[in-house]
Amino acid sequence: MVHRTTKPDGVGEDKAKHNQTGFCEIPAGRSFVVRALLTEPEDESLTELELVTEFQTTTNEESKEKVVAHLANFAYDPYNYNFLRQLNVLELFLDCITEENERLIEFGVAGICNSCVDPTNAAVIVQCGGIPLVIQCLSSPVRNTVNYALGALYYLCNSQTKEEILKPEVVEVIRKYAAAEAVSVGFSNLANALLLKHVKQ
C-alpha cells in the first residue's frame, strides 16, 4: 500500500478536446475526464474531504467506485490541486491501482492522469512510487484503463523519469498500441503522441 499520513486522504491552458472515440488526443488538450455513469454532486458543498471520508468508512465496493470517480473528476480542475495534495488524494488514487476491483483501478489511474499534468502533482506521484503502478495498467483488460495509463505516462515522462518509464519492454508495448489503429484509434493516437514526444524515432 502507498503510505499515507494520519490525515484524511484531498488543466492547463485549455479544456481537452475529445476525438471521435470519446477519448482525448494529447496534443490537443491537457487531460481526461473519467467517463463514469455518474452525475455531478448536486450539492457543491460535497467536498473532497467528505468524499475521502466516505471512501475510508464505507465497505461497499460500489460506493467506493463512485467516490473515486468523483475524485477523479475533481482532479481535472486545477483549482482542486492543493486539496488533492493536502488530503492525500493522489496517494488514494495510487492505492486504488493496487486493488483487484477493475473499476477502482480504472478510476484511480484516471485520477492520476487528470492530476499529473501539474508538475507538483506529478512529483508527488513519482515520489510515491506511482510510475510502476501506472505502467502495469498498460496490460489491463479494460480499455479505459489503458488509455488513462498512456495519458499519464505522457505527462509523467521527463528528464528525471525517462529512464524508469522508457524501458525497452515498456516502449515495445507502447509501440504495439501505436500500431493498433485498426483496433483502437484512442490507443494509437495516445501511444503515437507519447512516442513522438519522448522516444527517439
N, C-alpha and C. Protein backbone atom coordinates (compact mmCIF):
# COMPACT_ATOMS: atom_id res chain seq x y z
N MET A 1 0.84 -1.20 0.00
CA MET A 1 0.00 0.00 0.00
C MET A 1 0.88 1.25 0.00
N VAL A 2 0.35 2.31 -0.59
CA VAL A 2 1.07 3.56 -0.57
C VAL A 2 0.94 4.18 0.80
N HIS A 3 2.01 4.71 1.32
CA HIS A 3 1.98 5.29 2.66
C HIS A 3 1.18 6.57 2.68
N ARG A 4 0.32 6.71 3.68
CA ARG A 4 -0.41 7.96 3.89
C ARG A 4 -0.22 8.38 5.33
N THR A 5 -0.33 9.68 5.58
CA THR A 5 -0.25 10.16 6.94
C THR A 5 -1.57 9.89 7.63
N THR A 6 -1.70 10.31 8.86
CA THR A 6 -2.94 10.07 9.59
C THR A 6 -4.03 11.03 9.19
N LYS A 7 -3.72 12.04 8.36
CA LYS A 7 -4.76 12.94 7.88
C LYS A 7 -5.68 12.19 6.94
N PRO A 8 -6.92 12.67 6.73
CA PRO A 8 -7.78 12.04 5.73
C PRO A 8 -7.18 12.18 4.36
N ASP A 9 -7.38 11.13 3.56
CA ASP A 9 -6.88 11.19 2.17
C ASP A 9 -7.71 12.23 1.34
N GLY A 10 -7.28 14.31 0.28
CA GLY A 10 -7.83 15.56 -0.55
C GLY A 10 -6.84 16.34 -1.13
N VAL A 11 -6.95 22.32 -17.35
CA VAL A 11 -5.66 21.73 -16.84
C VAL A 11 -4.68 22.17 -17.89
N GLY A 12 -4.54 23.00 -17.42
CA GLY A 12 -3.67 23.50 -18.45
C GLY A 12 -4.34 24.66 -19.12
N GLU A 13 -3.82 25.01 -20.33
CA GLU A 13 -4.32 26.19 -20.99
C GLU A 13 -5.78 26.02 -21.44
N ASP A 14 -6.15 24.86 -21.93
CA ASP A 14 -7.47 24.66 -22.49
C ASP A 14 -8.05 23.35 -22.00
N LYS A 15 -9.38 23.28 -22.04
CA LYS A 15 -10.04 22.02 -21.77
C LYS A 15 -9.69 21.06 -22.89
N ALA A 16 -9.55 19.81 -22.54
CA ALA A 16 -9.16 18.83 -23.54
C ALA A 16 -10.26 18.64 -24.57
N LYS A 17 -9.86 18.47 -25.81
CA LYS A 17 -10.79 18.22 -26.88
C LYS A 17 -10.85 16.72 -27.14
N HIS A 18 -12.05 16.20 -27.33
CA HIS A 18 -12.22 14.77 -27.48
C HIS A 18 -12.35 14.39 -28.94
N ASN A 19 -11.72 13.29 -29.30
CA ASN A 19 -11.82 12.81 -30.67
C ASN A 19 -13.06 11.95 -30.83
N GLN A 20 -13.22 11.35 -31.99
CA GLN A 20 -14.44 10.62 -32.26
C GLN A 20 -14.59 9.36 -31.41
N THR A 21 -13.53 8.91 -30.79
CA THR A 21 -13.63 7.72 -29.95
C THR A 21 -14.13 8.06 -28.56
N GLY A 22 -14.20 9.35 -28.21
CA GLY A 22 -14.60 9.73 -26.88
C GLY A 22 -13.44 9.97 -25.95
N PHE A 23 -12.23 9.72 -26.40
CA PHE A 23 -11.06 9.96 -25.58
C PHE A 23 -10.36 11.22 -26.05
N CYS A 24 -9.47 11.73 -25.23
CA CYS A 24 -8.76 12.95 -25.57
C CYS A 24 -7.53 12.66 -26.42
N GLU A 25 -7.26 13.53 -27.33
CA GLU A 25 -6.00 13.48 -28.05
C GLU A 25 -5.02 14.37 -27.29
N ILE A 26 -3.93 13.80 -26.86
CA ILE A 26 -2.99 14.53 -26.01
C ILE A 26 -2.54 15.85 -26.62
N PRO A 27 -2.12 15.92 -27.89
CA PRO A 27 -1.62 17.19 -28.40
C PRO A 27 -2.66 18.29 -28.40
N ALA A 28 -3.94 17.94 -28.39
CA ALA A 28 -4.98 18.95 -28.49
C ALA A 28 -5.44 19.45 -27.13
N GLY A 29 -5.14 18.72 -26.07
CA GLY A 29 -5.64 19.11 -24.78
C GLY A 29 -4.67 18.77 -23.68
N ARG A 30 -5.15 18.83 -22.45
CA ARG A 30 -4.25 18.60 -21.35
C ARG A 30 -4.68 17.47 -20.42
N SER A 31 -5.88 16.92 -20.58
CA SER A 31 -6.29 15.93 -19.62
C SER A 31 -7.48 15.14 -20.09
N PHE A 32 -7.91 14.21 -19.25
CA PHE A 32 -9.08 13.39 -19.49
C PHE A 32 -10.11 13.68 -18.42
N VAL A 33 -11.35 13.41 -18.72
CA VAL A 33 -12.36 13.37 -17.68
C VAL A 33 -12.84 11.94 -17.61
N VAL A 34 -12.80 11.36 -16.42
CA VAL A 34 -13.20 9.97 -16.29
C VAL A 34 -14.65 9.83 -16.73
N ARG A 35 -14.91 8.82 -17.57
CA ARG A 35 -16.24 8.65 -18.12
C ARG A 35 -17.03 7.68 -17.26
N ALA A 36 -17.48 8.17 -16.12
CA ALA A 36 -18.25 7.33 -15.22
C ALA A 36 -19.73 7.61 -15.41
N LEU A 37 -20.56 6.60 -15.20
CA LEU A 37 -22.00 6.78 -15.32
C LEU A 37 -22.52 7.36 -14.02
N LEU A 38 -22.08 8.59 -13.76
CA LEU A 38 -22.42 9.25 -12.52
C LEU A 38 -22.83 10.68 -12.81
N THR A 39 -23.63 11.24 -11.93
CA THR A 39 -23.96 12.65 -12.05
C THR A 39 -23.04 13.42 -11.14
N GLU A 40 -22.83 14.67 -11.45
CA GLU A 40 -22.04 15.52 -10.57
C GLU A 40 -22.81 15.71 -9.26
N PRO A 41 -22.12 15.85 -8.15
CA PRO A 41 -22.83 16.08 -6.89
C PRO A 41 -23.72 17.32 -7.00
N GLU A 42 -25.00 17.18 -6.62
CA GLU A 42 -25.91 18.31 -6.71
C GLU A 42 -25.52 19.40 -5.73
N ASP A 43 -24.98 19.01 -4.60
CA ASP A 43 -24.59 19.96 -3.58
C ASP A 43 -23.09 20.20 -3.68
N GLU A 44 -22.73 21.42 -4.08
CA GLU A 44 -21.31 21.73 -4.24
C GLU A 44 -20.55 21.66 -2.92
N SER A 45 -21.30 21.60 -1.80
CA SER A 45 -20.63 21.51 -0.51
C SER A 45 -20.10 20.09 -0.27
N LEU A 46 -20.43 19.16 -1.18
CA LEU A 46 -19.86 17.82 -1.09
C LEU A 46 -18.39 17.92 -1.48
N THR A 47 -17.55 18.07 -0.49
CA THR A 47 -16.15 18.39 -0.72
C THR A 47 -15.30 17.14 -0.86
N GLU A 48 -14.08 17.39 -1.27
CA GLU A 48 -13.12 16.30 -1.36
C GLU A 48 -12.96 15.61 -0.02
N LEU A 49 -12.95 16.39 1.08
CA LEU A 49 -12.79 15.80 2.40
C LEU A 49 -13.92 14.84 2.71
N GLU A 50 -15.16 15.25 2.39
CA GLU A 50 -16.30 14.37 2.64
C GLU A 50 -16.22 13.10 1.79
N LEU A 51 -15.79 13.27 0.53
CA LEU A 51 -15.66 12.11 -0.34
C LEU A 51 -14.60 11.13 0.17
N VAL A 52 -13.47 11.70 0.59
CA VAL A 52 -12.39 10.84 1.10
C VAL A 52 -12.82 10.14 2.38
N THR A 53 -13.51 10.87 3.24
CA THR A 53 -14.00 10.27 4.48
C THR A 53 -14.97 9.13 4.17
N GLU A 54 -15.84 9.35 3.18
CA GLU A 54 -16.77 8.29 2.78
C GLU A 54 -16.01 7.07 2.25
N PHE A 55 -14.97 7.32 1.46
CA PHE A 55 -14.18 6.20 0.92
C PHE A 55 -13.56 5.40 2.04
N GLN A 56 -13.07 6.08 3.06
CA GLN A 56 -12.37 5.41 4.16
C GLN A 56 -13.32 4.64 5.07
N THR A 57 -14.59 5.08 5.14
CA THR A 57 -15.50 4.47 6.11
C THR A 57 -16.44 3.44 5.49
N THR A 58 -16.68 3.52 4.19
CA THR A 58 -17.63 2.58 3.58
C THR A 58 -16.97 1.24 3.29
N THR A 59 -17.76 0.20 3.38
CA THR A 59 -17.29 -1.13 3.00
C THR A 59 -17.95 -1.58 1.70
N ASN A 60 -18.78 -0.72 1.13
CA ASN A 60 -19.49 -1.05 -0.10
C ASN A 60 -18.64 -0.71 -1.31
N GLU A 61 -18.36 -1.72 -2.15
CA GLU A 61 -17.47 -1.51 -3.29
C GLU A 61 -18.04 -0.50 -4.28
N GLU A 62 -19.35 -0.56 -4.52
CA GLU A 62 -19.95 0.38 -5.48
C GLU A 62 -19.84 1.81 -4.99
N SER A 63 -20.01 2.01 -3.69
CA SER A 63 -19.86 3.36 -3.12
C SER A 63 -18.43 3.85 -3.29
N LYS A 64 -17.45 2.96 -3.08
CA LYS A 64 -16.05 3.34 -3.26
C LYS A 64 -15.78 3.74 -4.71
N GLU A 65 -16.35 2.97 -5.64
CA GLU A 65 -16.17 3.29 -7.06
C GLU A 65 -16.70 4.68 -7.38
N LYS A 66 -17.89 5.00 -6.87
CA LYS A 66 -18.48 6.31 -7.13
C LYS A 66 -17.64 7.42 -6.53
N VAL A 67 -17.14 7.20 -5.33
CA VAL A 67 -16.32 8.22 -4.67
C VAL A 67 -15.05 8.48 -5.48
N VAL A 68 -14.36 7.41 -5.89
CA VAL A 68 -13.12 7.59 -6.64
C VAL A 68 -13.38 8.24 -7.99
N ALA A 69 -14.50 7.89 -8.63
CA ALA A 69 -14.85 8.53 -9.90
C ALA A 69 -15.07 10.03 -9.72
N HIS A 70 -15.76 10.41 -8.65
CA HIS A 70 -15.96 11.84 -8.37
C HIS A 70 -14.63 12.53 -8.09
N LEU A 71 -13.77 11.90 -7.30
CA LEU A 71 -12.46 12.49 -7.01
C LEU A 71 -11.63 12.64 -8.27
N ALA A 72 -11.72 11.66 -9.18
CA ALA A 72 -11.01 11.76 -10.45
C ALA A 72 -11.51 12.94 -11.26
N ASN A 73 -12.82 13.19 -11.19
CA ASN A 73 -13.37 14.36 -11.88
C ASN A 73 -12.86 15.66 -11.23
N PHE A 74 -12.80 15.69 -9.90
CA PHE A 74 -12.24 16.85 -9.21
C PHE A 74 -10.80 17.09 -9.66
N ALA A 75 -10.07 16.01 -9.92
CA ALA A 75 -8.66 16.12 -10.30
C ALA A 75 -8.47 16.78 -11.65
N TYR A 76 -9.53 16.93 -12.42
CA TYR A 76 -9.46 17.56 -13.74
C TYR A 76 -9.31 19.08 -13.62
N ASP A 77 -9.71 19.63 -12.48
CA ASP A 77 -9.76 21.09 -12.30
C ASP A 77 -8.54 21.57 -11.50
N PRO A 78 -7.71 22.44 -12.09
CA PRO A 78 -6.53 22.92 -11.36
C PRO A 78 -6.86 23.59 -10.03
N TYR A 79 -8.06 24.12 -9.90
CA TYR A 79 -8.47 24.75 -8.64
C TYR A 79 -8.36 23.77 -7.47
N ASN A 80 -8.52 22.49 -7.76
CA ASN A 80 -8.56 21.48 -6.70
C ASN A 80 -7.20 20.86 -6.38
N TYR A 81 -6.16 21.25 -7.09
CA TYR A 81 -4.87 20.58 -6.92
C TYR A 81 -4.36 20.63 -5.48
N ASN A 82 -4.45 21.79 -4.84
CA ASN A 82 -3.96 21.90 -3.46
C ASN A 82 -4.72 20.96 -2.53
N PHE A 83 -6.04 20.88 -2.73
CA PHE A 83 -6.85 20.00 -1.90
C PHE A 83 -6.45 18.53 -2.12
N LEU A 84 -6.17 18.19 -3.37
CA LEU A 84 -5.77 16.81 -3.66
C LEU A 84 -4.51 16.44 -2.89
N ARG A 85 -3.57 17.37 -2.83
CA ARG A 85 -2.32 17.08 -2.12
C ARG A 85 -2.51 17.10 -0.61
N GLN A 86 -3.26 18.08 -0.11
CA GLN A 86 -3.46 18.20 1.33
C GLN A 86 -4.20 17.00 1.91
N LEU A 87 -5.12 16.45 1.14
CA LEU A 87 -5.93 15.34 1.62
C LEU A 87 -5.40 13.98 1.16
N ASN A 88 -4.22 13.99 0.56
CA ASN A 88 -3.57 12.74 0.12
C ASN A 88 -4.42 11.95 -0.88
N VAL A 89 -5.14 12.67 -1.72
CA VAL A 89 -5.97 12.01 -2.73
C VAL A 89 -5.10 11.36 -3.81
N LEU A 90 -3.96 11.94 -4.11
CA LEU A 90 -3.07 11.34 -5.10
C LEU A 90 -2.63 9.95 -4.65
N GLU A 91 -2.31 9.82 -3.36
CA GLU A 91 -1.93 8.53 -2.80
C GLU A 91 -3.12 7.57 -2.81
N LEU A 92 -4.31 8.11 -2.58
CA LEU A 92 -5.51 7.28 -2.63
C LEU A 92 -5.70 6.70 -4.03
N PHE A 93 -5.49 7.55 -5.07
CA PHE A 93 -5.58 7.06 -6.45
C PHE A 93 -4.60 5.91 -6.68
N LEU A 94 -3.38 6.07 -6.18
CA LEU A 94 -2.38 5.02 -6.36
C LEU A 94 -2.77 3.74 -5.61
N ASP A 95 -3.32 3.90 -4.43
CA ASP A 95 -3.79 2.73 -3.70
C ASP A 95 -4.85 1.99 -4.49
N CYS A 96 -5.73 2.73 -5.16
CA CYS A 96 -6.79 2.09 -5.94
C CYS A 96 -6.22 1.22 -7.06
N ILE A 97 -5.09 1.64 -7.62
CA ILE A 97 -4.47 0.87 -8.71
C ILE A 97 -3.99 -0.49 -8.21
N THR A 98 -3.75 -0.61 -6.91
CA THR A 98 -3.27 -1.88 -6.35
C THR A 98 -4.43 -2.82 -6.00
N GLU A 99 -5.66 -2.36 -6.15
CA GLU A 99 -6.82 -3.18 -5.82
C GLU A 99 -7.11 -4.21 -6.91
N GLU A 100 -7.94 -5.20 -6.60
CA GLU A 100 -8.35 -6.19 -7.59
C GLU A 100 -9.57 -5.73 -8.37
N ASN A 101 -10.32 -4.80 -7.83
CA ASN A 101 -11.51 -4.25 -8.47
C ASN A 101 -11.11 -3.43 -9.69
N GLU A 102 -11.50 -3.88 -10.90
CA GLU A 102 -11.06 -3.21 -12.12
C GLU A 102 -11.59 -1.79 -12.25
N ARG A 103 -12.77 -1.53 -11.69
CA ARG A 103 -13.30 -0.16 -11.77
C ARG A 103 -12.53 0.78 -10.85
N LEU A 104 -12.13 0.31 -9.68
CA LEU A 104 -11.29 1.14 -8.82
C LEU A 104 -9.95 1.43 -9.50
N ILE A 105 -9.40 0.42 -10.17
CA ILE A 105 -8.15 0.62 -10.90
C ILE A 105 -8.35 1.66 -12.00
N GLU A 106 -9.44 1.51 -12.75
CA GLU A 106 -9.72 2.44 -13.85
C GLU A 106 -9.85 3.88 -13.36
N PHE A 107 -10.66 4.07 -12.31
CA PHE A 107 -10.87 5.43 -11.81
C PHE A 107 -9.63 5.96 -11.10
N GLY A 108 -8.86 5.07 -10.48
CA GLY A 108 -7.63 5.50 -9.83
C GLY A 108 -6.62 6.04 -10.83
N VAL A 109 -6.40 5.31 -11.92
CA VAL A 109 -5.43 5.78 -12.92
C VAL A 109 -5.99 6.97 -13.70
N ALA A 110 -7.33 7.06 -13.81
CA ALA A 110 -7.92 8.25 -14.41
C ALA A 110 -7.61 9.49 -13.57
N GLY A 111 -7.69 9.34 -12.25
CA GLY A 111 -7.36 10.45 -11.36
C GLY A 111 -5.90 10.85 -11.48
N ILE A 112 -5.02 9.85 -11.61
CA ILE A 112 -3.60 10.13 -11.81
C ILE A 112 -3.40 10.88 -13.12
N CYS A 113 -4.06 10.40 -14.18
CA CYS A 113 -3.94 11.04 -15.49
C CYS A 113 -4.42 12.48 -15.44
N ASN A 114 -5.55 12.72 -14.78
CA ASN A 114 -6.09 14.07 -14.71
C ASN A 114 -5.22 15.02 -13.91
N SER A 115 -4.58 14.50 -12.88
CA SER A 115 -3.85 15.38 -11.97
C SER A 115 -2.39 15.57 -12.33
N CYS A 116 -1.79 14.62 -13.05
CA CYS A 116 -0.34 14.67 -13.24
C CYS A 116 0.10 15.67 -14.30
N VAL A 117 -0.83 16.37 -14.94
CA VAL A 117 -0.42 17.45 -15.84
C VAL A 117 0.23 18.58 -15.05
N ASP A 118 -0.04 18.63 -13.74
CA ASP A 118 0.59 19.62 -12.87
C ASP A 118 1.92 19.06 -12.37
N PRO A 119 3.02 19.78 -12.56
CA PRO A 119 4.34 19.27 -12.17
C PRO A 119 4.46 18.91 -10.68
N THR A 120 3.80 19.67 -9.82
CA THR A 120 3.88 19.36 -8.39
C THR A 120 3.16 18.06 -8.09
N ASN A 121 1.99 17.88 -8.68
CA ASN A 121 1.28 16.61 -8.52
C ASN A 121 2.10 15.46 -9.09
N ALA A 122 2.68 15.67 -10.26
CA ALA A 122 3.48 14.63 -10.88
C ALA A 122 4.64 14.22 -9.98
N ALA A 123 5.26 15.20 -9.33
CA ALA A 123 6.39 14.89 -8.44
C ALA A 123 5.93 14.03 -7.26
N VAL A 124 4.75 14.33 -6.71
CA VAL A 124 4.22 13.53 -5.60
C VAL A 124 3.97 12.10 -6.06
N ILE A 125 3.38 11.97 -7.24
CA ILE A 125 3.07 10.65 -7.79
C ILE A 125 4.35 9.83 -7.98
N VAL A 126 5.37 10.47 -8.51
CA VAL A 126 6.65 9.78 -8.73
C VAL A 126 7.28 9.38 -7.39
N GLN A 127 7.27 10.30 -6.42
CA GLN A 127 7.86 10.03 -5.11
C GLN A 127 7.16 8.90 -4.38
N CYS A 128 5.89 8.72 -4.66
CA CYS A 128 5.11 7.66 -4.01
C CYS A 128 5.17 6.34 -4.77
N GLY A 129 6.06 6.25 -5.75
CA GLY A 129 6.21 5.00 -6.50
C GLY A 129 5.12 4.77 -7.51
N GLY A 130 4.57 5.85 -8.06
CA GLY A 130 3.44 5.73 -8.96
C GLY A 130 3.77 5.22 -10.35
N ILE A 131 4.99 5.43 -10.81
CA ILE A 131 5.32 5.06 -12.20
C ILE A 131 5.13 3.57 -12.46
N PRO A 132 5.66 2.66 -11.63
CA PRO A 132 5.43 1.23 -11.90
C PRO A 132 3.95 0.86 -11.87
N LEU A 133 3.17 1.51 -11.01
CA LEU A 133 1.75 1.21 -10.93
C LEU A 133 1.03 1.63 -12.21
N VAL A 134 1.41 2.79 -12.74
CA VAL A 134 0.80 3.25 -13.99
C VAL A 134 1.22 2.35 -15.14
N ILE A 135 2.48 1.97 -15.17
CA ILE A 135 2.97 1.08 -16.24
C ILE A 135 2.22 -0.25 -16.24
N GLN A 136 1.93 -0.79 -15.06
CA GLN A 136 1.24 -2.08 -15.02
C GLN A 136 -0.18 -1.97 -15.59
N CYS A 137 -0.74 -0.77 -15.59
CA CYS A 137 -2.07 -0.56 -16.16
C CYS A 137 -2.08 -0.70 -17.68
N LEU A 138 -0.92 -0.67 -18.31
CA LEU A 138 -0.85 -0.85 -19.77
C LEU A 138 -1.29 -2.25 -20.18
N SER A 139 -1.24 -3.19 -19.25
CA SER A 139 -1.64 -4.56 -19.56
C SER A 139 -3.06 -4.87 -19.08
N SER A 140 -3.80 -3.84 -18.70
CA SER A 140 -5.16 -4.04 -18.21
C SER A 140 -6.08 -4.53 -19.33
N PRO A 141 -7.07 -5.36 -18.99
CA PRO A 141 -8.08 -5.77 -19.98
C PRO A 141 -9.13 -4.69 -20.22
N VAL A 142 -9.09 -3.62 -19.42
CA VAL A 142 -10.08 -2.54 -19.53
C VAL A 142 -9.51 -1.43 -20.42
N ARG A 143 -10.20 -1.15 -21.51
CA ARG A 143 -9.68 -0.20 -22.49
C ARG A 143 -9.46 1.19 -21.90
N ASN A 144 -10.41 1.68 -21.10
CA ASN A 144 -10.25 3.00 -20.49
C ASN A 144 -8.99 3.07 -19.64
N THR A 145 -8.74 2.00 -18.89
CA THR A 145 -7.56 1.97 -18.01
C THR A 145 -6.28 2.14 -18.82
N VAL A 146 -6.19 1.45 -19.94
CA VAL A 146 -5.01 1.57 -20.79
C VAL A 146 -4.88 3.00 -21.33
N ASN A 147 -5.99 3.58 -21.76
CA ASN A 147 -5.94 4.95 -22.27
C ASN A 147 -5.45 5.93 -21.22
N TYR A 148 -6.00 5.81 -20.00
CA TYR A 148 -5.58 6.72 -18.94
C TYR A 148 -4.11 6.51 -18.58
N ALA A 149 -3.65 5.26 -18.63
CA ALA A 149 -2.24 4.98 -18.33
C ALA A 149 -1.34 5.61 -19.38
N LEU A 150 -1.69 5.50 -20.64
CA LEU A 150 -0.90 6.12 -21.70
C LEU A 150 -0.86 7.64 -21.52
N GLY A 151 -2.00 8.22 -21.21
CA GLY A 151 -2.04 9.67 -20.99
C GLY A 151 -1.20 10.09 -19.79
N ALA A 152 -1.27 9.31 -18.71
CA ALA A 152 -0.49 9.64 -17.52
C ALA A 152 1.01 9.56 -17.80
N LEU A 153 1.43 8.52 -18.52
CA LEU A 153 2.85 8.38 -18.83
C LEU A 153 3.34 9.52 -19.72
N TYR A 154 2.48 10.02 -20.58
CA TYR A 154 2.83 11.16 -21.43
C TYR A 154 3.27 12.34 -20.57
N TYR A 155 2.55 12.59 -19.48
CA TYR A 155 2.86 13.74 -18.63
C TYR A 155 3.90 13.44 -17.55
N LEU A 156 3.97 12.20 -17.10
CA LEU A 156 4.95 11.86 -16.06
C LEU A 156 6.36 11.74 -16.62
N CYS A 157 6.48 11.51 -17.91
CA CYS A 157 7.79 11.32 -18.51
C CYS A 157 8.53 12.64 -18.66
N ASN A 158 9.71 12.73 -18.08
CA ASN A 158 10.57 13.90 -18.21
C ASN A 158 12.02 13.45 -18.07
N SER A 159 12.92 14.38 -18.02
CA SER A 159 14.34 14.02 -17.99
C SER A 159 14.71 13.20 -16.76
N GLN A 160 13.98 13.40 -15.63
CA GLN A 160 14.28 12.66 -14.41
C GLN A 160 13.64 11.27 -14.39
N THR A 161 12.51 11.11 -15.08
CA THR A 161 11.77 9.85 -15.01
C THR A 161 11.88 9.00 -16.27
N LYS A 162 12.51 9.56 -17.28
CA LYS A 162 12.55 8.91 -18.59
C LYS A 162 13.13 7.50 -18.52
N GLU A 163 14.20 7.34 -17.77
CA GLU A 163 14.87 6.04 -17.70
C GLU A 163 13.96 4.98 -17.09
N GLU A 164 13.19 5.38 -16.08
CA GLU A 164 12.29 4.44 -15.41
C GLU A 164 11.09 4.09 -16.29
N ILE A 165 10.59 5.07 -17.04
CA ILE A 165 9.39 4.85 -17.85
C ILE A 165 9.72 4.16 -19.16
N LEU A 166 10.75 4.63 -19.84
CA LEU A 166 11.01 4.17 -21.21
C LEU A 166 11.97 2.98 -21.26
N LYS A 167 11.68 1.99 -20.44
CA LYS A 167 12.43 0.75 -20.52
C LYS A 167 12.06 0.04 -21.82
N PRO A 168 12.97 -0.75 -22.37
CA PRO A 168 12.69 -1.39 -23.67
C PRO A 168 11.37 -2.15 -23.71
N GLU A 169 11.06 -2.88 -22.64
CA GLU A 169 9.82 -3.67 -22.65
C GLU A 169 8.58 -2.78 -22.63
N VAL A 170 8.70 -1.60 -21.97
CA VAL A 170 7.57 -0.67 -21.94
C VAL A 170 7.40 0.00 -23.30
N VAL A 171 8.49 0.42 -23.89
CA VAL A 171 8.43 1.05 -25.21
C VAL A 171 7.85 0.08 -26.24
N GLU A 172 8.18 -1.20 -26.09
CA GLU A 172 7.65 -2.20 -27.01
C GLU A 172 6.12 -2.27 -26.92
N VAL A 173 5.61 -2.23 -25.70
CA VAL A 173 4.16 -2.25 -25.50
C VAL A 173 3.53 -0.99 -26.10
N ILE A 174 4.16 0.15 -25.87
CA ILE A 174 3.62 1.41 -26.39
C ILE A 174 3.62 1.39 -27.92
N ARG A 175 4.66 0.84 -28.50
CA ARG A 175 4.72 0.76 -29.98
C ARG A 175 3.60 -0.15 -30.51
N LYS A 176 3.29 -1.21 -29.80
CA LYS A 176 2.20 -2.10 -30.23
C LYS A 176 0.87 -1.35 -30.21
N TYR A 177 0.66 -0.54 -29.18
CA TYR A 177 -0.57 0.26 -29.14
C TYR A 177 -0.58 1.30 -30.26
N ALA A 178 0.58 1.86 -30.54
CA ALA A 178 0.66 2.87 -31.60
C ALA A 178 0.29 2.27 -32.95
N ALA A 179 0.59 0.99 -33.12
CA ALA A 179 0.31 0.33 -34.40
C ALA A 179 -1.08 -0.29 -34.44
N ALA A 180 -1.86 -0.09 -33.38
CA ALA A 180 -3.16 -0.76 -33.28
C ALA A 180 -4.32 0.14 -33.68
N GLU A 181 -4.12 0.99 -34.66
CA GLU A 181 -5.17 1.93 -35.06
C GLU A 181 -6.45 1.22 -35.49
N ALA A 182 -6.29 0.06 -36.13
CA ALA A 182 -7.46 -0.69 -36.59
C ALA A 182 -8.29 -1.20 -35.41
N VAL A 183 -7.63 -1.40 -34.28
CA VAL A 183 -8.32 -1.90 -33.09
C VAL A 183 -8.88 -0.75 -32.27
N SER A 184 -8.08 0.29 -32.08
CA SER A 184 -8.49 1.44 -31.27
C SER A 184 -7.75 2.68 -31.71
N VAL A 185 -8.48 3.64 -32.23
CA VAL A 185 -7.88 4.92 -32.60
C VAL A 185 -7.34 5.62 -31.36
N GLY A 186 -8.05 5.45 -30.23
CA GLY A 186 -7.60 6.08 -28.99
C GLY A 186 -6.24 5.59 -28.56
N PHE A 187 -6.06 4.25 -28.53
CA PHE A 187 -4.75 3.70 -28.19
C PHE A 187 -3.68 4.24 -29.12
N SER A 188 -3.96 4.19 -30.41
CA SER A 188 -2.97 4.57 -31.41
C SER A 188 -2.56 6.03 -31.27
N ASN A 189 -3.55 6.92 -31.14
CA ASN A 189 -3.24 8.35 -31.04
C ASN A 189 -2.41 8.67 -29.80
N LEU A 190 -2.81 8.11 -28.67
CA LEU A 190 -2.10 8.38 -27.42
C LEU A 190 -0.69 7.80 -27.45
N ALA A 191 -0.58 6.58 -27.90
CA ALA A 191 0.74 5.94 -27.94
C ALA A 191 1.67 6.66 -28.90
N ASN A 192 1.15 7.06 -30.05
CA ASN A 192 1.98 7.79 -31.01
C ASN A 192 2.41 9.14 -30.46
N ALA A 193 1.52 9.81 -29.75
CA ALA A 193 1.87 11.10 -29.15
C ALA A 193 2.99 10.93 -28.12
N LEU A 194 2.89 9.87 -27.33
CA LEU A 194 3.92 9.59 -26.32
C LEU A 194 5.26 9.30 -26.98
N LEU A 195 5.24 8.47 -28.01
CA LEU A 195 6.47 8.13 -28.72
C LEU A 195 7.07 9.36 -29.40
N LEU A 196 6.21 10.16 -29.99
CA LEU A 196 6.69 11.34 -30.72
C LEU A 196 7.38 12.33 -29.80
N LYS A 197 6.84 12.49 -28.59
CA LYS A 197 7.40 13.47 -27.67
C LYS A 197 8.61 12.95 -26.90
N HIS A 198 8.61 11.66 -26.55
CA HIS A 198 9.61 11.19 -25.60
C HIS A 198 10.59 10.14 -26.11
N VAL A 199 10.33 9.54 -27.27
CA VAL A 199 11.18 8.45 -27.75
C VAL A 199 11.82 8.85 -29.08
N LYS A 200 13.10 8.64 -29.16
CA LYS A 200 13.80 8.92 -30.40
C LYS A 200 13.35 7.93 -31.48
N GLN A 201 12.95 8.45 -32.59
CA GLN A 201 12.44 7.58 -33.67
C GLN A 201 13.59 6.99 -34.49
